[in-house]
Protein backbone atom coordinates (compact mmCIF):
# COMPACT_ATOMS: atom_id res chain seq x y z
CA MET A 1 -0.23 -0.11 0.42
CA LYS A 2 0.84 3.74 -0.85
CA ARG A 3 0.89 6.57 1.54
CA ASN A 4 -1.88 7.84 -0.17
CA ASP A 5 -3.73 4.93 0.57
CA TRP A 6 -2.79 4.49 4.54
CA ILE A 7 -4.48 8.59 4.29
CA LEU A 8 -7.42 7.07 2.78
CA ALA A 9 -7.79 4.35 4.97
CA ALA A 10 -6.91 6.48 8.35
CA GLY A 11 -9.99 9.36 7.03
CA VAL A 12 -12.45 6.40 6.39
CA ILE A 13 -11.82 4.81 10.15
CA VAL A 14 -12.01 8.63 11.66
CA ALA A 15 -15.34 9.15 9.52
CA ALA A 16 -16.77 5.89 10.96
CA VAL A 17 -15.97 6.37 15.00
CA LEU A 18 -17.26 10.14 14.34
CA ILE A 19 -20.72 9.19 12.63
CA PHE A 20 -20.47 6.16 15.69
CA CYS A 21 -20.04 8.97 18.23
CA VAL A 22 -22.68 10.51 16.97
CA GLN A 23 -25.67 8.30 17.02
CA LEU A 24 -24.36 7.36 20.59
CA VAL A 25 -25.00 10.57 22.01
CA THR A 26 -28.31 10.79 19.56
CA ASN A 27 -29.48 7.73 21.49
CA LEU A 28 -28.43 8.57 25.13
CA SER A 29 -30.25 12.34 24.65
CA PHE A 30 -33.45 11.07 24.93
CA ASP A 31 -35.39 12.01 27.73
CA GLU A 32 -38.25 10.32 29.28
CA GLU A 33 -39.35 13.26 31.15
CA GLN A 34 -39.89 14.37 27.43
CA ALA A 35 -42.52 11.76 26.27
CA VAL A 36 -46.06 12.65 27.13
CA VAL A 37 -49.44 10.79 26.75
CA LEU A 38 -52.12 12.45 25.01
CA VAL A 39 -55.67 11.43 25.27
CA THR A 40 -58.32 12.24 23.16
CA VAL A 41 -62.13 11.50 23.70
CA LYS A 42 -64.12 12.36 20.07
CA GLY A 43 -61.81 13.79 18.11
CA GLY A 44 -61.00 16.15 20.78
CA ASP A 45 -58.46 17.32 24.01
CA PHE A 46 -58.84 15.33 26.60
CA GLY A 47 -55.16 15.75 28.73
CA SER A 48 -51.56 15.37 28.08
CA TYR A 49 -49.77 13.62 30.66
CA ARG A 50 -46.07 12.85 31.39
CA LEU A 51 -44.95 9.44 31.10
CA SER A 52 -41.86 9.68 33.60
CA GLU A 53 -45.25 10.18 36.37
CA ASP A 54 -46.94 7.74 37.78
CA GLN A 55 -50.57 8.25 37.91
CA THR A 56 -54.04 7.03 37.15
CA VAL A 57 -56.53 8.85 34.67
CA ASP A 58 -60.02 8.39 34.35
CA ILE A 59 -61.46 9.21 31.54
CA ASP A 60 -65.28 10.55 31.24
CA GLY A 61 -65.53 7.53 33.70
CA LYS A 62 -65.74 5.03 30.97
CA ASN A 63 -62.31 3.99 30.66
CA THR A 64 -59.21 4.29 33.27
CA LEU A 65 -55.87 5.00 32.08
CA VAL A 66 -52.44 4.15 33.90
CA ILE A 67 -48.99 5.30 33.69
CA LYS A 68 -46.73 3.40 35.27
CA ASP A 69 -43.08 3.09 35.33
CA GLY A 70 -42.50 4.94 32.16
CA THR A 71 -45.37 2.70 29.97
CA ALA A 72 -49.19 3.64 29.77
CA ARG A 73 -51.80 1.00 29.59
CA MET A 74 -55.86 1.08 29.74
CA GLU A 75 -57.03 -0.80 32.65
CA LYS A 76 -60.80 -1.15 32.37
CA ALA A 77 -63.15 0.40 29.94
CA ASP A 78 -66.72 -0.08 30.09
CA CYS A 79 -67.05 -1.07 26.55
CA PRO A 80 -68.83 -4.55 25.48
CA ASP A 81 -65.27 -6.12 23.54
CA GLN A 82 -62.04 -4.94 26.13
CA ILE A 83 -59.83 -4.98 23.02
CA CYS A 84 -58.26 -1.99 24.48
CA VAL A 85 -57.48 -3.04 27.97
CA HIS A 86 -56.27 -6.56 26.53
CA HIS A 87 -53.52 -3.89 24.16
CA ARG A 88 -50.17 -4.33 25.32
CA GLU A 89 -48.51 -1.50 27.32
CA ILE A 90 -46.97 1.33 24.77
CA SER A 91 -44.33 4.01 25.55
CA ARG A 92 -42.71 4.69 22.59
CA ASN A 93 -43.48 7.48 20.21
CA GLY A 94 -46.38 6.97 18.14
CA GLU A 95 -47.55 4.08 19.39
CA SER A 96 -51.42 3.85 20.33
CA ILE A 97 -54.35 3.00 22.73
CA ILE A 98 -57.69 2.98 20.71
CA CYS A 99 -61.43 2.18 22.53
CA LEU A 100 -63.59 2.42 19.46
CA PRO A 101 -66.18 2.38 21.41
CA ASN A 102 -65.86 4.89 23.65
CA GLN A 103 -64.07 6.92 21.06
CA VAL A 104 -60.91 7.39 23.20
CA VAL A 105 -57.56 7.66 21.60
CA VAL A 106 -54.35 6.58 23.99
CA SER A 107 -50.97 8.07 22.06
CA VAL A 108 -47.34 8.34 22.98
CA LYS A 109 -45.77 11.54 21.97
CA SER A 110 -41.77 12.67 22.09
CA SER A 111 -38.76 13.46 20.64
CA GLU A 112 -37.65 10.13 20.06
CA GLU A 113 -37.98 9.31 16.20
CA SER A 114 -39.77 6.31 15.56
CA GLU A 115 -37.88 3.05 14.46
CA LEU A 116 -39.24 1.16 11.72
CA ASP A 117 -41.01 -1.76 12.30
CA GLY A 118 -41.92 -3.33 9.07
CA VAL A 119 -41.81 -2.73 5.10
CA ALA A 120 -44.94 -3.44 2.75
CA ARG A 121 -44.83 -3.81 -0.93
């Protein structure tokens, strides 16, 4: 290998290390306290709650939302199908729980970028 080849290889390695460090810092800078749970009822805003604060939210006496340990889940609903109650806990940006009979939508919003979780053709 000649001198220019070594310089090019060193430049590529330095660039790769810099990109890795920037991505590492970006991933570590996500703060759970910035994540919020948005609740809408019949298309209107009901409330906004921090995902980092443990609390129980009564939604119009029909649904009960529990926010605990950085996750949100629907604990109780008076709808017949109970799909929202059996839905898994949500904690990532863009995830949501929907109670269609009561027209309740619970979604997570944060500064975290959503990851691609599937590809459709």
